Amino acid sequence: MFADSKVGWKRERWDTPDGDFIDIDRLPGAAGAPLVVLFHGLEGSSGSHYAVALARELVRRGWRGAVAHFRGCSGEPNRLPRAYHSGDADEIRWILRRFAAESRGAPLFAAGVSLGGNALLKWLGEDAEAKQVLAGAAAISAPVDLMAAGDALGRGFNLVYTRAFLATMRRKAEEKLARFPGLFDGNAMRRARTLRAFDNVVTAPLHGFRDTDDYWTRASAKRVLRSIQAPTLVLNARNDPFLPEAALPRRSEVSAAVRLDFPDEGGHAAFVGAPFPGNIDWMPGRVAAFFDEAMALREAGSDTGANTIGTALVS
């Protein structure tokens, strides 16, 4: 499941600033080629369908790629009591700054899917220097309004997705309790049947939030989208079951550097195209085309500043 051999990922381990570790799966390529760093979704990995599809597109273009696994998502428990969460902008920050430091001038892009997309957007909106780190960014199926997304996942057919997430999240929580007795209320965690209930007992308190409402409110990227200065694509399907169409950001809620692309169809991180049985190549191609455009504008107008580039990218 991890480090898909058909893609050719090469794994390396990075120590974190706080004494933990993350695993990076790299897609090798020519020195100087553009590098795309992917932040996966809830309980995702380099083996997730969207990561494999993006890797295929990067190989086709001769670009390099990397999947930065959030803590505990690479097949081995992380060392510390904390794990990862939807608003982990600090984690995104140090990871991308390290990639930038080693890129030696090669174009650096970041993409985030679902949870990873929200965290990436939050960093982009909070860090005024993000435009100096990245040539461009893309958030795919990002639940930018976590309250709306969490409530949607707590009812109806969406509970099928919730149960799948909770199956692995409970297992990881049990492992943490075994290593850190008393870390949180184990019985309450086992009774959780929704993400709201689980986050209230586990995710929120482990990461410095008062409760689920505090976590979902403060971690939502929607409130900082007006501050983004790096060229950024926000790609969400209007029929995404994880985020109601009414919660999608409006043009007035984002900066001039942000391009909003909301196809009618695509579901959550799927965007299946081509005749039956279809494929999932449309999304990686759309993201890479946006990165091509951002890179070309940066090269052509490097002296005009990020605002001019961002304005040119507005749809």
Protein backbone atom coordinates (compact mmCIF):
# COMPACT_ATOMS: atom_id res chain seq x y z
CA MET A 1 0.00 0.00 0.00
CA PHE A 2 2.78 2.41 0.87
CA ALA A 3 5.52 3.47 -1.58
CA ASP A 4 3.80 1.98 -4.68
CA SER A 5 6.44 0.04 -6.60
CA LYS A 6 4.68 0.71 -9.94
CA VAL A 7 5.31 4.41 -9.45
CA GLY A 8 8.90 4.02 -8.32
CA TRP A 9 8.78 6.03 -5.09
CA LYS A 10 12.03 6.27 -3.19
CA ARG A 11 11.53 6.69 0.56
CA GLU A 12 13.53 8.86 2.92
CA ARG A 13 12.97 9.89 6.52
CA TRP A 14 13.12 13.45 7.83
CA ASP A 15 13.45 14.39 11.48
CA THR A 16 10.97 17.06 12.52
CA PRO A 17 11.91 20.22 14.47
CA ASP A 18 10.16 18.83 17.58
CA GLY A 19 11.91 15.45 17.67
CA ASP A 20 9.47 13.37 15.64
CA PHE A 21 9.77 12.13 12.04
CA ILE A 22 7.93 12.10 8.74
CA ASP A 23 8.50 9.93 5.68
CA ILE A 24 8.92 11.43 2.23
CA ASP A 25 8.33 9.34 -0.89
CA ARG A 26 10.17 10.84 -3.84
CA LEU A 27 9.72 10.43 -7.56
CA PRO A 28 13.22 10.87 -8.99
CA GLY A 29 13.84 13.05 -12.01
CA ALA A 30 16.42 15.23 -13.70
CA ALA A 31 18.16 17.84 -11.58
CA GLY A 32 16.60 21.24 -12.20
CA ALA A 33 13.26 19.82 -13.29
CA PRO A 34 10.16 21.25 -11.56
CA LEU A 35 9.32 19.56 -8.27
CA VAL A 36 5.74 19.02 -7.11
CA VAL A 37 5.23 18.21 -3.40
CA LEU A 38 1.90 16.54 -2.60
CA PHE A 39 0.14 16.68 0.77
CA HIS A 40 -2.36 13.83 0.99
CA GLY A 41 -5.83 13.67 2.48
CA LEU A 42 -7.19 12.16 5.68
CA GLU A 43 -5.55 8.75 6.21
CA GLY A 44 -4.00 8.95 2.76
CA SER A 45 -0.49 8.15 1.53
CA SER A 46 1.65 7.88 -1.59
CA GLY A 47 -0.47 4.83 -2.42
CA SER A 48 -3.68 6.87 -2.66
CA HIS A 49 -5.27 6.91 -6.13
CA TYR A 50 -4.74 10.63 -6.63
CA ALA A 51 -1.05 10.41 -5.63
CA VAL A 52 -0.44 7.63 -8.14
CA ALA A 53 -2.33 9.52 -10.86
CA LEU A 54 -0.34 12.69 -10.22
CA ALA A 55 2.91 10.71 -10.27
CA ARG A 56 2.05 9.33 -13.70
CA GLU A 57 1.49 12.85 -15.01
CA LEU A 58 4.79 14.06 -13.56
CA VAL A 59 6.67 11.15 -15.14
CA ARG A 60 5.06 11.97 -18.48
CA ARG A 61 6.31 15.55 -18.20
CA GLY A 62 9.77 14.67 -16.89
CA TRP A 63 9.08 16.48 -13.60
CA ARG A 64 10.04 15.39 -10.12
CA GLY A 65 7.55 14.61 -7.37
CA ALA A 66 7.33 13.94 -3.66
CA VAL A 67 4.61 12.91 -1.23
CA ALA A 68 5.08 14.31 2.27
CA HIS A 69 3.34 11.91 4.63
CA PHE A 70 1.64 13.45 7.61
CA ARG A 71 2.72 11.94 10.93
CA GLY A 72 1.59 8.35 11.33
CA CYS A 73 0.45 7.97 7.70
CA SER A 74 3.47 6.23 6.19
CA GLY A 75 2.89 2.82 7.77
CA GLU A 76 4.71 3.41 11.05
CA PRO A 77 3.46 5.23 14.17
CA ASN A 78 5.08 8.59 14.84
CA ARG A 79 7.01 9.12 18.08
CA LEU A 80 5.06 11.89 19.79
CA PRO A 81 1.54 12.04 21.25
CA ARG A 82 0.47 14.49 18.54
CA ALA A 83 -0.51 13.31 15.07
CA TYR A 84 -1.78 15.55 12.24
CA HIS A 85 -4.80 17.71 11.58
CA SER A 86 -6.61 19.77 8.93
CA GLY A 87 -5.06 23.09 9.91
CA ASP A 88 -1.45 22.01 10.33
CA ALA A 89 0.07 25.05 8.59
CA ASP A 90 3.23 24.89 10.70
CA GLU A 91 3.94 21.38 9.40
CA ILE A 92 3.42 22.51 5.82
CA ARG A 93 5.69 25.51 6.41
CA TRP A 94 8.82 23.68 7.56
CA ILE A 95 8.43 20.90 5.01
CA LEU A 96 8.16 23.25 2.04
CA ARG A 97 10.93 25.51 3.30
CA ARG A 98 13.22 22.49 3.48
CA PHE A 99 12.28 21.49 -0.06
CA ALA A 100 12.88 25.07 -1.20
CA ALA A 101 16.31 25.16 0.43
CA GLU A 102 17.40 22.08 -1.48
CA SER A 103 15.75 22.99 -4.80
CA ARG A 104 18.63 25.29 -5.85
CA GLY A 105 16.42 27.47 -8.01
CA ALA A 106 14.33 24.73 -9.63
CA PRO A 107 10.59 25.59 -9.70
CA LEU A 108 8.84 24.29 -6.58
CA PHE A 109 5.10 23.62 -6.54
CA ALA A 110 2.81 22.21 -3.86
CA ALA A 111 -0.49 20.39 -4.20
CA GLY A 112 -2.81 19.32 -1.43
CA VAL A 113 -5.76 16.97 -1.60
CA SER A 114 -8.71 17.17 0.81
CA LEU A 115 -7.29 17.62 4.35
CA GLY A 116 -3.86 18.30 2.84
CA GLY A 117 -5.40 20.93 0.58
CA ASN A 118 -7.00 22.78 3.47
CA ALA A 119 -3.74 22.76 5.46
CA LEU A 120 -1.80 23.98 2.41
CA LEU A 121 -4.25 26.84 1.80
CA LYS A 122 -4.11 27.82 5.45
CA TRP A 123 -0.31 28.11 5.27
CA LEU A 124 -0.53 30.06 2.01
CA GLY A 125 -2.91 32.53 3.61
CA GLU A 126 -0.97 32.91 6.85
CA ASP A 127 2.64 33.09 5.64
CA ALA A 128 3.39 36.29 3.74
CA GLU A 129 6.63 34.72 2.47
CA ALA A 130 4.89 31.73 0.85
CA LYS A 131 5.10 33.37 -2.58
CA GLN A 132 8.87 33.37 -2.24
CA VAL A 133 8.88 29.64 -1.46
CA LEU A 134 6.55 28.37 -4.17
CA ALA A 135 6.10 29.06 -7.87
CA GLY A 136 2.48 27.96 -7.47
CA ALA A 137 0.07 25.79 -5.51
CA ALA A 138 -3.09 23.77 -6.02
CA ALA A 139 -5.70 22.59 -3.54
CA ILE A 140 -7.93 19.76 -4.73
CA SER A 141 -11.24 18.92 -3.03
CA ALA A 142 -10.17 20.93 0.01
CA PRO A 143 -12.81 21.20 2.77
CA VAL A 144 -12.11 24.90 3.26
CA ASP A 145 -15.13 25.23 5.58
CA LEU A 146 -14.49 22.43 8.06
CA MET A 147 -17.72 23.04 9.95
CA ALA A 148 -19.79 22.55 6.81
CA ALA A 149 -17.68 19.60 5.70
CA GLY A 150 -17.73 17.89 9.10
CA ASP A 151 -21.47 18.27 9.40
CA ALA A 152 -21.95 16.87 5.88
CA LEU A 153 -19.87 13.82 6.75
CA GLY A 154 -21.99 13.23 9.84
CA ARG A 155 -25.23 12.43 8.08
CA GLY A 156 -26.83 10.25 5.43
CA PHE A 157 -24.83 8.21 2.95
CA ASN A 158 -21.68 10.13 3.87
CA LEU A 159 -21.50 8.09 7.07
CA VAL A 160 -20.12 5.31 4.85
CA TYR A 161 -17.02 7.45 4.25
CA THR A 162 -16.90 8.40 7.92
CA ARG A 163 -16.91 4.78 9.05
CA ALA A 164 -14.02 4.01 6.69
CA PHE A 165 -11.98 6.89 8.08
CA LEU A 166 -12.76 6.03 11.68
CA ALA A 167 -11.69 2.40 11.23
CA THR A 168 -8.04 3.38 10.75
CA MET A 169 -8.20 6.44 13.00
CA ARG A 170 -9.42 4.35 15.95
CA ARG A 171 -6.66 1.81 15.38
CA LYS A 172 -4.02 4.53 15.47
CA ALA A 173 -5.65 6.07 18.53
CA GLU A 174 -5.50 2.73 20.33
CA GLU A 175 -1.78 2.50 19.53
CA LYS A 176 -1.23 5.96 20.99
CA LEU A 177 -3.12 5.08 24.16
CA ALA A 178 -0.98 1.98 24.58
CA ARG A 179 2.19 4.10 24.37
CA PHE A 180 0.80 7.12 26.23
CA PRO A 181 -1.72 5.90 28.85
CA GLY A 182 -4.29 8.51 29.79
CA LEU A 183 -3.59 10.66 26.74
CA PHE A 184 -7.35 10.94 26.10
CA ASP A 185 -10.59 9.17 27.06
CA GLY A 186 -10.32 5.79 25.35
CA ASN A 187 -13.92 4.78 26.01
CA ALA A 188 -15.24 8.01 24.50
CA MET A 189 -12.98 7.51 21.49
CA ARG A 190 -14.35 3.99 20.95
CA ARG A 191 -17.93 5.28 21.15
CA ALA A 192 -17.32 7.93 18.48
CA ARG A 193 -19.45 7.34 15.40
CA THR A 194 -18.79 10.66 13.65
CA LEU A 195 -15.73 12.75 12.90
CA ARG A 196 -17.17 15.45 15.16
CA ALA A 197 -17.21 13.05 18.12
CA PHE A 198 -13.75 11.65 17.35
CA ASP A 199 -12.19 15.07 16.86
CA ASN A 200 -13.73 16.25 20.12
CA VAL A 201 -12.02 13.48 22.09
CA VAL A 202 -8.78 12.96 20.16
CA THR A 203 -7.78 15.38 17.39
CA ALA A 204 -8.74 18.68 19.04
CA PRO A 205 -7.13 18.18 22.47
CA LEU A 206 -3.98 16.55 21.05
CA HIS A 207 -3.31 19.62 18.90
CA GLY A 208 -4.15 22.47 21.23
CA PHE A 209 -7.80 23.09 20.43
CA ARG A 210 -10.54 23.40 23.04
CA ASP A 211 -13.03 21.12 21.28
CA THR A 212 -14.31 20.24 17.81
CA ASP A 213 -15.98 23.60 17.25
CA ASP A 214 -12.79 25.44 18.16
CA TYR A 215 -10.72 23.13 15.93
CA TRP A 216 -12.99 23.27 12.89
CA THR A 217 -13.37 27.04 13.15
CA ARG A 218 -9.71 27.94 13.62
CA ALA A 219 -8.36 25.33 11.19
CA SER A 220 -10.63 26.22 8.25
CA ALA A 221 -8.71 27.79 5.38
CA LYS A 222 -11.65 29.75 4.01
CA ARG A 223 -11.09 32.65 6.38
CA VAL A 224 -7.54 33.33 5.08
CA LEU A 225 -8.05 32.87 1.33
CA ARG A 226 -8.07 36.65 0.80
CA SER A 227 -4.47 36.80 2.04
CA ILE A 228 -2.95 34.32 -0.42
CA GLN A 229 -0.28 35.93 -2.63
CA ALA A 230 1.21 32.92 -4.43
CA PRO A 231 -0.56 31.78 -7.63
CA THR A 232 -3.02 29.19 -6.38
CA LEU A 233 -5.63 26.93 -7.97
CA VAL A 234 -8.63 25.92 -5.84
CA LEU A 235 -10.25 22.94 -7.57
CA ASN A 236 -13.50 21.55 -6.12
CA ALA A 237 -16.36 19.68 -7.74
CA ARG A 238 -19.78 21.16 -7.06
CA ASN A 239 -21.08 17.66 -6.33
CA ASP A 240 -18.34 16.86 -3.79
CA PRO A 241 -20.13 15.00 -0.98
CA PHE A 242 -17.57 16.24 1.55
CA LEU A 243 -18.24 19.95 1.03
CA PRO A 244 -21.68 21.35 0.10
CA GLU A 245 -21.71 23.64 -2.93
CA ALA A 246 -23.05 26.47 -0.76
CA ALA A 247 -19.84 26.37 1.31
CA LEU A 248 -17.49 26.86 -1.67
CA PRO A 249 -15.61 30.18 -1.56
CA ARG A 250 -16.93 33.03 -3.69
CA ARG A 251 -14.75 35.24 -5.84
CA SER A 252 -15.11 38.00 -3.26
CA GLU A 253 -13.72 35.69 -0.57
CA VAL A 254 -10.35 35.03 -2.22
CA SER A 255 -7.41 37.15 -3.33
CA ALA A 256 -6.50 38.05 -6.90
CA ALA A 257 -3.82 35.33 -6.80
CA VAL A 258 -6.41 32.57 -6.46
CA ARG A 259 -8.12 30.88 -9.38
CA LEU A 260 -11.39 29.15 -8.54
CA ASP A 261 -12.31 26.13 -10.67
CA PHE A 262 -15.56 24.40 -9.69
CA PRO A 263 -16.64 21.77 -12.25
CA ASP A 264 -20.19 20.47 -11.88
CA GLU A 265 -18.98 16.86 -11.60
CA GLY A 266 -15.98 15.18 -10.02
CA GLY A 267 -17.01 14.02 -6.57
CA HIS A 268 -14.30 14.02 -3.93
CA ALA A 269 -10.75 13.88 -5.33
CA ALA A 270 -11.93 11.73 -8.24
CA PHE A 271 -12.75 13.77 -11.38
CA VAL A 272 -13.24 10.62 -13.45
CA GLY A 273 -12.94 11.28 -17.17
CA ALA A 274 -12.99 9.42 -20.49
CA PRO A 275 -15.61 6.87 -21.59
CA PHE A 276 -16.42 3.85 -19.41
CA PRO A 277 -14.62 2.53 -17.42
CA GLY A 278 -12.95 5.95 -17.31
CA ASN A 279 -9.73 7.16 -15.71
CA ILE A 280 -8.59 9.73 -13.15
CA ASP A 281 -6.09 11.54 -15.34
CA TRP A 282 -8.06 14.80 -15.73
CA MET A 283 -7.21 16.24 -12.32
CA PRO A 284 -3.41 15.74 -12.55
CA GLY A 285 -3.43 17.23 -16.04
CA ARG A 286 -5.46 20.23 -14.87
CA VAL A 287 -3.10 20.86 -11.96
CA ALA A 288 0.04 20.47 -14.06
CA ALA A 289 -1.35 22.83 -16.72
CA PHE A 290 -1.93 25.46 -14.03
CA PHE A 291 1.63 24.99 -12.81
CA ASP A 292 2.88 25.37 -16.39
CA GLU A 293 1.02 28.67 -16.65
CA ALA A 294 2.30 29.93 -13.30
CA MET A 295 5.86 28.98 -14.23
CA ALA A 296 5.66 30.68 -17.62
CA LEU A 297 4.26 33.88 -16.14
CA ARG A 298 6.88 33.88 -13.42
CA GLU A 299 9.67 33.51 -15.97
CA ALA A 300 8.19 36.15 -18.27
CA GLY A 301 7.38 38.69 -15.59
CA SER A 302 9.76 38.00 -12.76
CA ASP A 303 10.28 41.71 -12.19
CA THR A 304 6.56 42.54 -12.01
CA GLY A 305 5.89 40.83 -8.69
CA ALA A 306 3.53 38.17 -7.43
CA ASN A 307 0.41 40.36 -7.58
CA THR A 308 0.66 40.82 -11.36
CA ILE A 309 1.24 37.11 -11.85
CA GLY A 310 -1.66 36.23 -9.60
CA THR A 311 -4.00 38.65 -11.40
CA ALA A 312 -3.10 37.09 -14.73
CA LEU A 313 -4.10 33.69 -13.39
CA VAL A 314 -7.59 34.70 -12.27
CA SER A 315 -10.29 32.88 -14.21
